[in-house]
Amino acid sequence: YVFYFSYVLPYDLLLQHYNLPKVVLELGVAEGWFTKDILKWDLDKLYLIDNWATIGTQTGDGAYNQEWHDGNYKQVLERTAPFAEKVTIIKGLSWEVADQVPDNSLGLLYIDACHEYECVKKDLAAYFSKVVPGGIIAGHDYLNLSYGVNKAVKEFCEGKYEINVVPDEHESMASFWFIKPL
């Protein structure tokens, strides 16, 4: 099968096609726009992890003021309220709270948190064991070379996993996905 998507990614079809657990983790949630789409997938479980706090040393969303983060968190709570029995929201730096997600539980890990090289490396290392064999690891902003996503993912996958690129309306925002081997 060849899958070609736009940004609203039908990862739910990949979960079905590969007969994967309907358990998803979104790392980096912000106001929850992608979460809103994911909630349509009839999942068994959705983990949402975001710091929802200002980090002065970061560029991008992490550097925004606390009021912005608080507003985003409130929006996520409102969007997920009807699905409360299936959603677990975890606040904190993604790699520091990884122990709250069981190993070998995820059908899909979607990474869109801190885009700095070291952060993406930490996220891949911290969450790889959380994905079931044959599961999908994906993320956003892969082709934006001003971020560290591309470099970290390429290094992680080099010689081991085939990286698939998912086009977006803006080339730099393209996503990536690869399959954890069986």
C-alpha atoms as a PDB file:
ATOM      1  CA  TYR A   1       0.000   0.000   0.000  1.00  0.00           C
ATOM      2  CA  VAL A   2       1.093   3.541  -0.718  1.00  0.00           C
ATOM      3  CA  PHE A   3      -0.397   6.256   1.466  1.00  0.00           C
ATOM      4  CA  TYR A   4      -0.350   9.913   0.433  1.00  0.00           C
ATOM      5  CA  PHE A   5      -1.883  12.549   2.699  1.00  0.00           C
ATOM      6  CA  SER A   6      -2.328  16.210   3.267  1.00  0.00           C
ATOM      7  CA  TYR A   7      -1.859  17.613   6.791  1.00  0.00           C
ATOM      8  CA  VAL A   8      -5.153  16.225   8.095  1.00  0.00           C
ATOM      9  CA  LEU A   9      -3.566  12.805   8.154  1.00  0.00           C
ATOM     10  CA  PRO A  10      -5.653   9.649   8.062  1.00  0.00           C
ATOM     11  CA  TYR A  11      -3.362   7.825  10.460  1.00  0.00           C
ATOM     12  CA  ASP A  12      -6.505   6.080  11.664  1.00  0.00           C
ATOM     13  CA  LEU A  13      -6.466   4.185   8.333  1.00  0.00           C
ATOM     14  CA  LEU A  14      -2.871   3.122   8.968  1.00  0.00           C
ATOM     15  CA  LEU A  15      -3.851   1.919  12.446  1.00  0.00           C
ATOM     16  CA  GLN A  16      -6.623  -0.171  10.860  1.00  0.00           C
ATOM     17  CA  HIS A  17      -4.520  -1.382   7.935  1.00  0.00           C
ATOM     18  CA  TYR A  18      -1.697  -2.603  10.165  1.00  0.00           C
ATOM     19  CA  ASN A  19      -4.111  -3.874  12.843  1.00  0.00           C
ATOM     20  CA  LEU A  20      -2.502  -1.701  15.501  1.00  0.00           C
ATOM     21  CA  PRO A  21      -3.847  -0.782  18.926  1.00  0.00           C
ATOM     22  CA  LYS A  22      -6.165   2.216  18.792  1.00  0.00           C
ATOM     23  CA  VAL A  23      -3.953   3.961  21.343  1.00  0.00           C
ATOM     24  CA  VAL A  24      -2.323   7.235  20.302  1.00  0.00           C
ATOM     25  CA  LEU A  25       0.043   9.703  21.947  1.00  0.00           C
ATOM     26  CA  GLU A  26       0.245  13.281  20.720  1.00  0.00           C
ATOM     27  CA  LEU A  27       3.441  14.930  21.987  1.00  0.00           C
ATOM     28  CA  GLY A  28       3.061  18.682  21.732  1.00  0.00           C
ATOM     29  CA  VAL A  29      -0.588  19.645  21.781  1.00  0.00           C
ATOM     30  CA  ALA A  30      -0.724  23.473  22.075  1.00  0.00           C
ATOM     31  CA  GLU A  31      -4.393  24.436  21.666  1.00  0.00           C
ATOM     32  CA  GLY A  32      -5.403  20.982  20.426  1.00  0.00           C
ATOM     33  CA  TRP A  33      -6.341  21.479  16.785  1.00  0.00           C
ATOM     34  CA  PHE A  34      -4.811  18.153  15.722  1.00  0.00           C
ATOM     35  CA  THR A  35      -6.275  16.620  18.884  1.00  0.00           C
ATOM     36  CA  LYS A  36      -9.707  17.609  17.618  1.00  0.00           C
ATOM     37  CA  ASP A  37      -9.086  15.562  14.450  1.00  0.00           C
ATOM     38  CA  ILE A  38      -7.611  12.621  16.359  1.00  0.00           C
ATOM     39  CA  LEU A  39     -10.698  12.445  18.576  1.00  0.00           C
ATOM     40  CA  LYS A  40     -12.752  11.524  15.485  1.00  0.00           C
ATOM     41  CA  TRP A  41     -10.787   8.284  15.101  1.00  0.00           C
ATOM     42  CA  ASP A  42     -12.783   6.237  17.634  1.00  0.00           C
ATOM     43  CA  LEU A  43      -9.723   5.433  19.714  1.00  0.00           C
ATOM     44  CA  ASP A  44      -9.531   3.311  22.821  1.00  0.00           C
ATOM     45  CA  LYS A  45      -7.057   5.720  24.431  1.00  0.00           C
ATOM     46  CA  LEU A  46      -5.463   9.089  23.650  1.00  0.00           C
ATOM     47  CA  TYR A  47      -2.537  10.492  25.597  1.00  0.00           C
ATOM     48  CA  LEU A  48      -1.885  14.225  25.273  1.00  0.00           C
ATOM     49  CA  ILE A  49       1.432  15.540  26.527  1.00  0.00           C
ATOM     50  CA  ASP A  50       2.518  19.164  26.480  1.00  0.00           C
ATOM     51  CA  ASN A  51       4.445  21.424  28.806  1.00  0.00           C
ATOM     52  CA  TRP A  52       1.867  24.227  28.542  1.00  0.00           C
ATOM     53  CA  ALA A  53       4.466  26.516  30.112  1.00  0.00           C
ATOM     54  CA  THR A  54       6.908  29.164  28.977  1.00  0.00           C
ATOM     55  CA  ILE A  55      10.478  28.051  28.398  1.00  0.00           C
ATOM     56  CA  GLY A  56      12.558  31.166  27.953  1.00  0.00           C
ATOM     57  CA  THR A  57      15.455  29.396  26.286  1.00  0.00           C
ATOM     58  CA  GLN A  58      13.311  28.058  23.434  1.00  0.00           C
ATOM     59  CA  THR A  59      12.272  29.618  20.176  1.00  0.00           C
ATOM     60  CA  GLY A  60       8.778  29.094  18.765  1.00  0.00           C
ATOM     61  CA  ASP A  61       5.704  28.213  20.809  1.00  0.00           C
ATOM     62  CA  GLY A  62       7.658  27.292  23.929  1.00  0.00           C
ATOM     63  CA  ALA A  63       8.831  30.883  24.315  1.00  0.00           C
ATOM     64  CA  TYR A  64       5.325  32.374  24.303  1.00  0.00           C
ATOM     65  CA  ASN A  65       4.030  33.959  27.521  1.00  0.00           C
ATOM     66  CA  GLN A  66       2.285  31.865  30.166  1.00  0.00           C
ATOM     67  CA  GLU A  67      -1.096  33.432  29.424  1.00  0.00           C
ATOM     68  CA  TRP A  68      -0.922  31.968  25.901  1.00  0.00           C
ATOM     69  CA  HIS A  69      -0.087  28.506  27.280  1.00  0.00           C
ATOM     70  CA  ASP A  70      -2.868  28.724  29.885  1.00  0.00           C
ATOM     71  CA  GLY A  71      -5.360  29.637  27.165  1.00  0.00           C
ATOM     72  CA  ASN A  72      -4.232  26.676  25.067  1.00  0.00           C
ATOM     73  CA  TYR A  73      -4.553  24.292  28.006  1.00  0.00           C
ATOM     74  CA  LYS A  74      -8.071  25.549  28.683  1.00  0.00           C
ATOM     75  CA  GLN A  75      -9.006  24.959  25.026  1.00  0.00           C
ATOM     76  CA  VAL A  76      -7.666  21.398  25.198  1.00  0.00           C
ATOM     77  CA  LEU A  77      -9.694  20.689  28.344  1.00  0.00           C
ATOM     78  CA  GLU A  78     -12.827  21.975  26.609  1.00  0.00           C
ATOM     79  CA  ARG A  79     -12.175  20.019  23.381  1.00  0.00           C
ATOM     80  CA  THR A  80     -11.500  16.762  25.193  1.00  0.00           C
ATOM     81  CA  ALA A  81     -14.214  16.983  27.882  1.00  0.00           C
ATOM     82  CA  PRO A  82     -16.728  14.820  25.947  1.00  0.00           C
ATOM     83  CA  PHE A  83     -14.035  12.129  25.646  1.00  0.00           C
ATOM     84  CA  ALA A  84     -12.719  12.302  29.216  1.00  0.00           C
ATOM     85  CA  GLU A  85     -12.907   8.519  29.737  1.00  0.00           C
ATOM     86  CA  LYS A  86     -10.530   7.941  26.803  1.00  0.00           C
ATOM     87  CA  VAL A  87      -8.135  10.890  27.185  1.00  0.00           C
ATOM     88  CA  THR A  88      -5.208  11.251  29.557  1.00  0.00           C
ATOM     89  CA  ILE A  89      -3.674  14.722  29.709  1.00  0.00           C
ATOM     90  CA  ILE A  90      -0.155  14.997  31.085  1.00  0.00           C
ATOM     91  CA  LYS A  91       1.584  18.326  31.738  1.00  0.00           C
ATOM     92  CA  GLY A  92       5.352  18.475  31.690  1.00  0.00           C
ATOM     93  CA  LEU A  93       8.435  18.329  29.511  1.00  0.00           C
ATOM     94  CA  SER A  94       7.751  15.424  27.187  1.00  0.00           C
ATOM     95  CA  TRP A  95      10.861  13.342  27.871  1.00  0.00           C
ATOM     96  CA  GLU A  96      10.530  13.865  31.631  1.00  0.00           C
ATOM     97  CA  VAL A  97       6.996  12.404  31.822  1.00  0.00           C
ATOM     98  CA  ALA A  98       7.520   9.421  29.494  1.00  0.00           C
ATOM     99  CA  ASP A  99       7.283   7.004  32.426  1.00  0.00           C
ATOM    100  CA  GLN A 100       3.551   7.797  32.636  1.00  0.00           C
ATOM    101  CA  VAL A 101       2.924   5.999  29.333  1.00  0.00           C
ATOM    102  CA  PRO A 102       3.164   2.182  29.379  1.00  0.00           C
ATOM    103  CA  ASP A 103       5.773   0.452  27.218  1.00  0.00           C
ATOM    104  CA  ASN A 104       4.468  -1.368  24.127  1.00  0.00           C
ATOM    105  CA  SER A 105       1.078   0.333  24.324  1.00  0.00           C
ATOM    106  CA  LEU A 106       0.916   2.801  21.421  1.00  0.00           C
ATOM    107  CA  GLY A 107      -0.224   2.139  17.884  1.00  0.00           C
ATOM    108  CA  LEU A 108       0.830   5.685  16.954  1.00  0.00           C
ATOM    109  CA  LEU A 109       3.231   8.193  18.456  1.00  0.00           C
ATOM    110  CA  TYR A 110       2.923  11.686  16.922  1.00  0.00           C
ATOM    111  CA  ILE A 111       5.743  14.090  17.799  1.00  0.00           C
ATOM    112  CA  ASP A 112       5.115  17.839  17.516  1.00  0.00           C
ATOM    113  CA  ALA A 113       6.609  19.160  20.757  1.00  0.00           C
ATOM    114  CA  CYS A 114       9.888  21.057  21.076  1.00  0.00           C
ATOM    115  CA  HIS A 115      11.417  21.182  17.566  1.00  0.00           C
ATOM    116  CA  GLU A 116      15.013  21.645  18.677  1.00  0.00           C
ATOM    117  CA  TYR A 117      17.430  18.877  17.725  1.00  0.00           C
ATOM    118  CA  GLU A 118      18.223  17.798  21.302  1.00  0.00           C
ATOM    119  CA  CYS A 119      14.527  17.790  22.268  1.00  0.00           C
ATOM    120  CA  VAL A 120      13.506  15.606  19.315  1.00  0.00           C
ATOM    121  CA  LYS A 121      16.375  13.210  20.079  1.00  0.00           C
ATOM    122  CA  LYS A 122      15.183  12.966  23.696  1.00  0.00           C
ATOM    123  CA  ASP A 123      11.569  12.393  22.615  1.00  0.00           C
ATOM    124  CA  LEU A 124      12.509   9.617  20.183  1.00  0.00           C
ATOM    125  CA  ALA A 125      14.675   7.925  22.817  1.00  0.00           C
ATOM    126  CA  ALA A 126      12.084   8.294  25.588  1.00  0.00           C
ATOM    127  CA  TYR A 127       9.060   7.128  23.609  1.00  0.00           C
ATOM    128  CA  PHE A 128      10.343   4.496  21.150  1.00  0.00           C
ATOM    129  CA  SER A 129       9.721   1.747  23.723  1.00  0.00           C
ATOM    130  CA  LYS A 130       6.145   2.979  24.170  1.00  0.00           C
ATOM    131  CA  VAL A 131       5.231   2.004  20.593  1.00  0.00           C
ATOM    132  CA  VAL A 132       4.225  -1.587  19.824  1.00  0.00           C
ATOM    133  CA  PRO A 133       6.339  -3.521  17.316  1.00  0.00           C
ATOM    134  CA  GLY A 134       4.907  -2.656  13.906  1.00  0.00           C
ATOM    135  CA  GLY A 135       3.565   0.632  15.294  1.00  0.00           C
ATOM    136  CA  ILE A 136       3.885   4.058  13.711  1.00  0.00           C
ATOM    137  CA  ILE A 137       6.155   6.896  14.800  1.00  0.00           C
ATOM    138  CA  ALA A 138       5.368  10.186  13.108  1.00  0.00           C
ATOM    139  CA  GLY A 139       5.836  13.896  13.533  1.00  0.00           C
ATOM    140  CA  HIS A 140       5.406  17.373  12.117  1.00  0.00           C
ATOM    141  CA  ASP A 141       7.658  20.029  10.543  1.00  0.00           C
ATOM    142  CA  TYR A 142      10.099  17.474   9.151  1.00  0.00           C
ATOM    143  CA  LEU A 143      11.248  19.538   6.174  1.00  0.00           C
ATOM    144  CA  ASN A 144      11.713  22.807   8.063  1.00  0.00           C
ATOM    145  CA  LEU A 145      15.487  22.766   8.165  1.00  0.00           C
ATOM    146  CA  SER A 146      15.635  25.691  10.598  1.00  0.00           C
ATOM    147  CA  TYR A 147      14.318  23.212  13.199  1.00  0.00           C
ATOM    148  CA  GLY A 148      16.178  20.157  14.455  1.00  0.00           C
ATOM    149  CA  VAL A 149      13.413  17.670  13.587  1.00  0.00           C
ATOM    150  CA  ASN A 150      14.874  16.553  10.259  1.00  0.00           C
ATOM    151  CA  LYS A 151      18.397  16.003  11.592  1.00  0.00           C
ATOM    152  CA  ALA A 152      17.245  14.154  14.719  1.00  0.00           C
ATOM    153  CA  VAL A 153      14.836  11.869  12.835  1.00  0.00           C
ATOM    154  CA  LYS A 154      17.366  11.089  10.093  1.00  0.00           C
ATOM    155  CA  GLU A 155      20.027  10.210  12.678  1.00  0.00           C
ATOM    156  CA  PHE A 156      17.584   8.052  14.635  1.00  0.00           C
ATOM    157  CA  CYS A 157      16.406   6.180  11.534  1.00  0.00           C
ATOM    158  CA  GLU A 158      19.684   5.963   9.612  1.00  0.00           C
ATOM    159  CA  GLY A 159      20.226   2.430   8.341  1.00  0.00           C
ATOM    160  CA  LYS A 160      17.303   1.099  10.395  1.00  0.00           C
ATOM    161  CA  TYR A 161      13.949   2.577   9.358  1.00  0.00           C
ATOM    162  CA  GLU A 162      12.498   3.953   6.121  1.00  0.00           C
ATOM    163  CA  ILE A 163      11.255   7.529   6.547  1.00  0.00           C
ATOM    164  CA  ASN A 164       8.076   8.445   4.673  1.00  0.00           C
ATOM    165  CA  VAL A 165       7.370  12.127   4.019  1.00  0.00           C
ATOM    166  CA  VAL A 166       3.824  13.456   4.191  1.00  0.00           C
ATOM    167  CA  PRO A 167       3.356  16.604   2.071  1.00  0.00           C
ATOM    168  CA  ASP A 168       1.688  19.648   3.568  1.00  0.00           C
ATOM    169  CA  GLU A 169       0.339  22.874   2.110  1.00  0.00           C
ATOM    170  CA  HIS A 170       3.685  24.457   3.059  1.00  0.00           C
ATOM    171  CA  GLU A 171       6.608  22.197   2.193  1.00  0.00           C
ATOM    172  CA  SER A 172       8.500  22.998   5.405  1.00  0.00           C
ATOM    173  CA  MET A 173       5.567  21.746   7.496  1.00  0.00           C
ATOM    174  CA  ALA A 174       5.622  18.271   5.932  1.00  0.00           C
ATOM    175  CA  SER A 175       5.321  15.400   8.372  1.00  0.00           C
ATOM    176  CA  PHE A 176       7.279  12.155   8.576  1.00  0.00           C
ATOM    177  CA  TRP A 177       6.363   8.636   9.593  1.00  0.00           C
ATOM    178  CA  PHE A 178       8.137   5.324   9.932  1.00  0.00           C
ATOM    179  CA  ILE A 179       7.259   1.904  11.270  1.00  0.00           C
ATOM    180  CA  LYS A 180       8.883   0.365  14.321  1.00  0.00           C
ATOM    181  CA  PRO A 181      10.047  -3.088  13.210  1.00  0.00           C
ATOM    182  CA  LEU A 182       8.336  -6.245  14.397  1.00  0.00           C
END
